[in-house]
Protein backbone atom coordinates (compact mmCIF):
# COMPACT_ATOMS: atom_id res chain seq x y z
CA MET A 1 -46.86 47.84 -40.63
CA GLN A 2 -45.45 48.10 -37.02
CA PRO A 3 -41.91 46.81 -36.71
CA ALA A 4 -41.31 43.15 -35.30
CA ARG A 5 -41.09 43.05 -31.39
CA ASP A 6 -37.97 41.95 -30.23
CA PRO A 7 -37.53 38.96 -28.51
CA ILE A 8 -35.71 39.81 -25.56
CA PHE A 9 -38.71 41.78 -23.80
CA ALA A 10 -39.97 38.00 -23.72
CA GLU A 11 -37.16 36.58 -22.23
CA PHE A 12 -37.27 39.37 -19.58
CA LEU A 13 -40.85 38.64 -18.67
CA LYS A 14 -39.51 35.27 -17.69
CA GLN A 15 -37.64 36.88 -15.00
CA SER A 16 -38.40 38.49 -11.75
CA THR A 17 -37.62 42.14 -10.84
CA ALA A 18 -35.76 41.19 -8.04
CA THR A 19 -33.35 39.02 -10.08
CA VAL A 20 -32.83 41.36 -12.74
CA HIS A 21 -32.34 44.20 -9.82
CA GLU A 22 -29.51 41.80 -8.48
CA ALA A 23 -27.86 41.01 -11.95
CA MET A 24 -27.49 44.61 -12.43
CA GLY A 25 -25.60 45.08 -9.63
CA ARG A 26 -28.59 46.29 -7.98
CA ARG A 27 -29.36 49.21 -9.80
CA GLY A 28 -32.59 50.10 -11.54
CA ALA A 29 -35.15 49.74 -9.06
CA LEU A 30 -37.63 52.25 -8.76
CA PRO A 31 -39.35 53.55 -5.63
CA SER A 32 -40.50 50.77 -3.51
CA ALA A 33 -43.81 52.62 -3.42
CA ILE A 34 -44.70 51.85 -6.93
CA LYS A 35 -46.38 48.31 -7.03
CA PRO A 36 -49.03 46.61 -9.13
CA VAL A 37 -52.76 47.23 -8.02
CA ALA A 38 -53.10 43.28 -8.44
CA SER A 39 -50.17 41.14 -7.22
CA ALA A 40 -50.79 39.06 -10.51
CA MET A 41 -50.01 41.80 -12.90
CA LYS A 42 -46.77 41.76 -15.06
CA CYS A 43 -45.75 43.37 -17.97
CA CYS A 44 -42.41 43.95 -19.46
CA GLY A 45 -41.55 46.76 -22.72
CA PRO A 46 -40.04 49.82 -23.77
CA ALA A 47 -40.55 52.59 -22.30
CA PHE A 48 -42.62 55.39 -23.49
CA THR A 49 -41.82 58.35 -21.02
CA VAL A 50 -44.46 61.21 -19.86
CA ASP A 51 -43.53 63.85 -17.70
CA THR A 52 -46.70 65.47 -16.51
CA ILE A 53 -47.71 68.43 -14.66
CA PRO A 54 -49.16 67.87 -10.88
CA GLY A 55 -52.92 66.97 -11.09
CA ASP A 56 -53.34 67.00 -14.91
CA ASN A 57 -53.66 63.46 -17.25
CA LEU A 58 -54.07 65.61 -20.76
CA LEU A 59 -50.90 64.40 -21.30
CA LEU A 60 -51.47 60.61 -20.74
CA HIS A 61 -54.13 60.45 -22.76
CA HIS A 62 -51.98 61.75 -25.73
CA ALA A 63 -49.35 59.28 -24.80
CA ILE A 64 -51.74 56.35 -25.27
CA TYR A 65 -51.89 57.05 -28.81
CA GLN A 66 -48.35 58.09 -29.42
CA ALA A 67 -47.01 55.24 -28.24
CA GLN A 68 -46.31 51.92 -30.24
CA PRO A 69 -47.91 48.69 -29.55
CA GLY A 70 -46.04 46.69 -26.72
CA ASP A 71 -44.87 50.29 -25.13
CA VAL A 72 -44.89 50.61 -21.30
CA LEU A 73 -46.07 54.25 -19.98
CA VAL A 74 -43.94 55.35 -17.77
CA VAL A 75 -45.19 58.52 -16.23
CA LYS A 76 -43.44 60.90 -13.63
CA VAL A 77 -46.25 63.35 -12.18
CA SER A 78 -43.81 66.07 -10.32
CA ASP A 79 -44.46 64.73 -6.63
CA HIS A 80 -48.37 65.49 -7.03
CA TYR A 81 -49.86 62.04 -5.35
CA GLU A 82 -53.11 63.26 -4.44
CA SER A 83 -55.02 62.64 -7.88
CA GLY A 84 -55.81 59.33 -9.72
CA TYR A 85 -54.39 60.13 -12.62
CA TRP A 86 -55.33 56.96 -14.93
CA GLY A 87 -58.65 54.46 -14.35
CA GLU A 88 -61.02 51.89 -15.89
CA ILE A 89 -61.73 54.25 -19.15
CA MET A 90 -58.14 55.06 -20.15
CA GLY A 91 -56.88 51.16 -19.49
CA VAL A 92 -59.11 50.12 -21.72
CA ALA A 93 -58.00 52.89 -24.30
CA ALA A 94 -54.20 51.66 -23.39
CA GLN A 95 -55.38 47.73 -23.85
CA VAL A 96 -57.10 48.63 -27.05
CA ARG A 97 -53.87 50.08 -28.40
CA GLY A 98 -51.84 47.28 -27.31
CA ILE A 99 -50.00 49.25 -24.55
CA ALA A 100 -48.09 46.66 -22.58
CA GLY A 101 -48.72 48.52 -19.12
CA LEU A 102 -48.69 51.49 -17.03
CA VAL A 103 -45.84 52.36 -14.35
CA ILE A 104 -46.48 55.62 -12.88
CA ASP A 105 -45.17 57.36 -9.48
CA GLY A 106 -48.85 58.85 -8.68
CA GLY A 107 -51.83 57.64 -7.98
CA VAL A 108 -54.44 55.72 -9.86
CA ARG A 109 -58.16 54.74 -9.25
CA ASP A 110 -60.74 52.27 -10.65
CA SER A 111 -58.12 49.21 -9.06
CA VAL A 112 -61.02 46.81 -9.25
CA GLU A 113 -62.20 47.43 -12.91
CA LEU A 114 -58.11 47.44 -13.81
CA THR A 115 -58.05 44.25 -12.29
CA ARG A 116 -60.70 42.97 -14.45
CA LEU A 117 -59.35 44.21 -17.49
CA ASN A 118 -56.00 42.47 -16.65
CA PHE A 119 -54.19 45.79 -17.38
CA PRO A 120 -50.87 45.87 -15.57
CA THR A 121 -50.78 49.07 -13.71
CA PHE A 122 -47.98 49.98 -11.40
CA SER A 123 -48.73 53.24 -9.27
CA HIS A 124 -47.82 54.79 -6.22
CA GLY A 125 -51.06 54.22 -4.71
CA LEU A 126 -54.49 54.78 -5.07
CA CYS A 127 -56.37 58.15 -5.15
CA ILE A 128 -60.24 58.66 -6.46
CA ARG A 129 -59.22 62.72 -6.56
CA GLY A 130 -59.95 63.65 -10.12
CA THR A 131 -57.37 65.32 -12.59
CA THR A 132 -57.30 68.55 -14.53
CA LYS A 133 -57.09 68.40 -18.29
CA HIS A 134 -55.09 71.73 -19.07
CA GLY A 135 -52.37 70.03 -20.54
CA GLY A 136 -48.39 70.42 -20.50
CA GLY A 137 -45.09 68.63 -19.69
CA ASN A 138 -42.88 66.45 -22.32
CA LEU A 139 -43.10 63.10 -24.05
CA ASN A 140 -40.43 60.54 -24.61
CA LYS A 141 -37.69 62.35 -22.80
CA PRO A 142 -35.81 61.32 -19.97
CA VAL A 143 -37.71 60.88 -16.50
CA THR A 144 -36.47 60.62 -12.92
CA MET A 145 -37.75 58.58 -10.58
CA GLY A 146 -36.49 58.13 -7.54
CA SER A 147 -32.72 57.96 -8.10
CA ILE A 148 -33.35 56.15 -11.42
CA ILE A 149 -33.09 57.74 -14.95
CA VAL A 150 -35.45 56.35 -17.07
CA ASN A 151 -34.76 56.86 -20.79
CA PRO A 152 -37.32 56.35 -23.72
CA GLY A 153 -36.83 52.66 -25.21
CA ASP A 154 -35.40 51.19 -21.66
CA ILE A 155 -36.54 48.21 -20.48
CA VAL A 156 -39.19 48.24 -17.91
CA LEU A 157 -40.09 44.95 -15.76
CA GLY A 158 -42.61 45.04 -13.55
CA ASP A 159 -44.27 42.34 -11.17
CA ALA A 160 -45.77 41.71 -7.74
CA ASP A 161 -42.47 43.11 -5.85
CA GLY A 162 -41.88 46.47 -8.03
CA VAL A 163 -40.29 47.81 -11.24
CA VAL A 164 -37.03 47.44 -12.51
CA VAL A 165 -35.64 49.31 -15.59
CA VAL A 166 -32.60 48.02 -17.22
CA PRO A 167 -30.69 50.46 -19.80
CA ARG A 168 -31.51 49.14 -23.58
CA ALA A 169 -27.91 48.61 -24.12
CA GLU A 170 -26.86 46.48 -21.25
CA GLY A 171 -30.37 44.38 -22.13
CA PRO A 172 -28.67 41.43 -23.48
CA ALA A 173 -25.62 41.40 -20.83
CA ILE A 174 -28.29 41.61 -17.96
CA LEU A 175 -30.50 39.25 -19.45
CA GLN A 176 -27.89 36.58 -19.52
CA LYS A 177 -26.60 37.23 -16.09
CA SER A 178 -30.22 36.97 -14.70
CA ILE A 179 -30.37 33.64 -16.42
CA GLU A 180 -27.33 32.53 -14.52
CA ARG A 181 -28.32 34.12 -11.23
CA VAL A 182 -31.58 31.58 -11.51
CA LYS A 183 -29.34 28.90 -12.31
CA ARG A 184 -27.27 29.46 -9.42
CA GLU A 185 -30.21 30.06 -6.81
CA ASP A 186 -31.88 26.65 -8.49
CA ASP A 187 -28.50 25.01 -7.17
CA ILE A 188 -28.88 26.56 -3.67
CA MET A 189 -32.80 25.58 -3.26
CA ALA A 190 -31.63 22.13 -4.48
CA GLN A 191 -28.63 21.88 -1.77
CA LEU A 192 -31.12 22.94 1.02
CA ARG A 193 -33.63 20.07 0.74
CA ALA A 194 -30.47 17.99 0.38
CA GLY A 195 -29.79 19.09 4.25
CA LYS A 196 -26.95 22.01 3.58
CA THR A 197 -27.92 25.37 5.45
CA THR A 198 -27.62 28.73 4.64
CA LEU A 199 -25.00 28.89 7.03
CA ASP A 200 -22.75 26.64 5.11
CA ILE A 201 -23.81 27.33 1.96
CA TYR A 202 -22.90 31.14 2.01
CA ASN A 203 -20.15 30.16 4.48
CA LEU A 204 -22.14 32.64 7.37
CA LYS A 205 -20.60 30.54 10.39
CA SER A 206 -18.42 32.80 12.88
């Protein structure tokens, strides 16, 4: 039997990536090129990291079956973007396993089919080029994407705007700050609708 899923992931799923990034002191944002293949896609879960060799996706197949239900696969491809490391077949396999999503700093393909599956897929872009299956790389070791080090178990949140990673130990504090930030922004929008200006609210008048 699998352990119960930590409810913090469901709570983070209610937040936006921009809110969480700001609540963290503008930390945790993965490179802006990493976006969902469909804007409605959203996911949150603990990171299961993959560091594969350029142009090869054998390790991703293994990751699907070593990750736990609810995990988000976070895949580094060593700056080789001209391959489609993931597609419909792997999306179905991951969905059957209960994987919560994929974040990859390389290309994927079958975007229409992945959208139809509604399997949350966040990638550097789309690429139809195939991959080899020689193997090599590491599973569940820290990976670096842009300036962000992603450790296994870190909280990964993705939505239409991008992906943010929260160190697991900071999760409860960042979640609370995110909730408080949303409340403040709701108050600001109420003031705007009541006639105030952003210049007044933020004291931006010269």
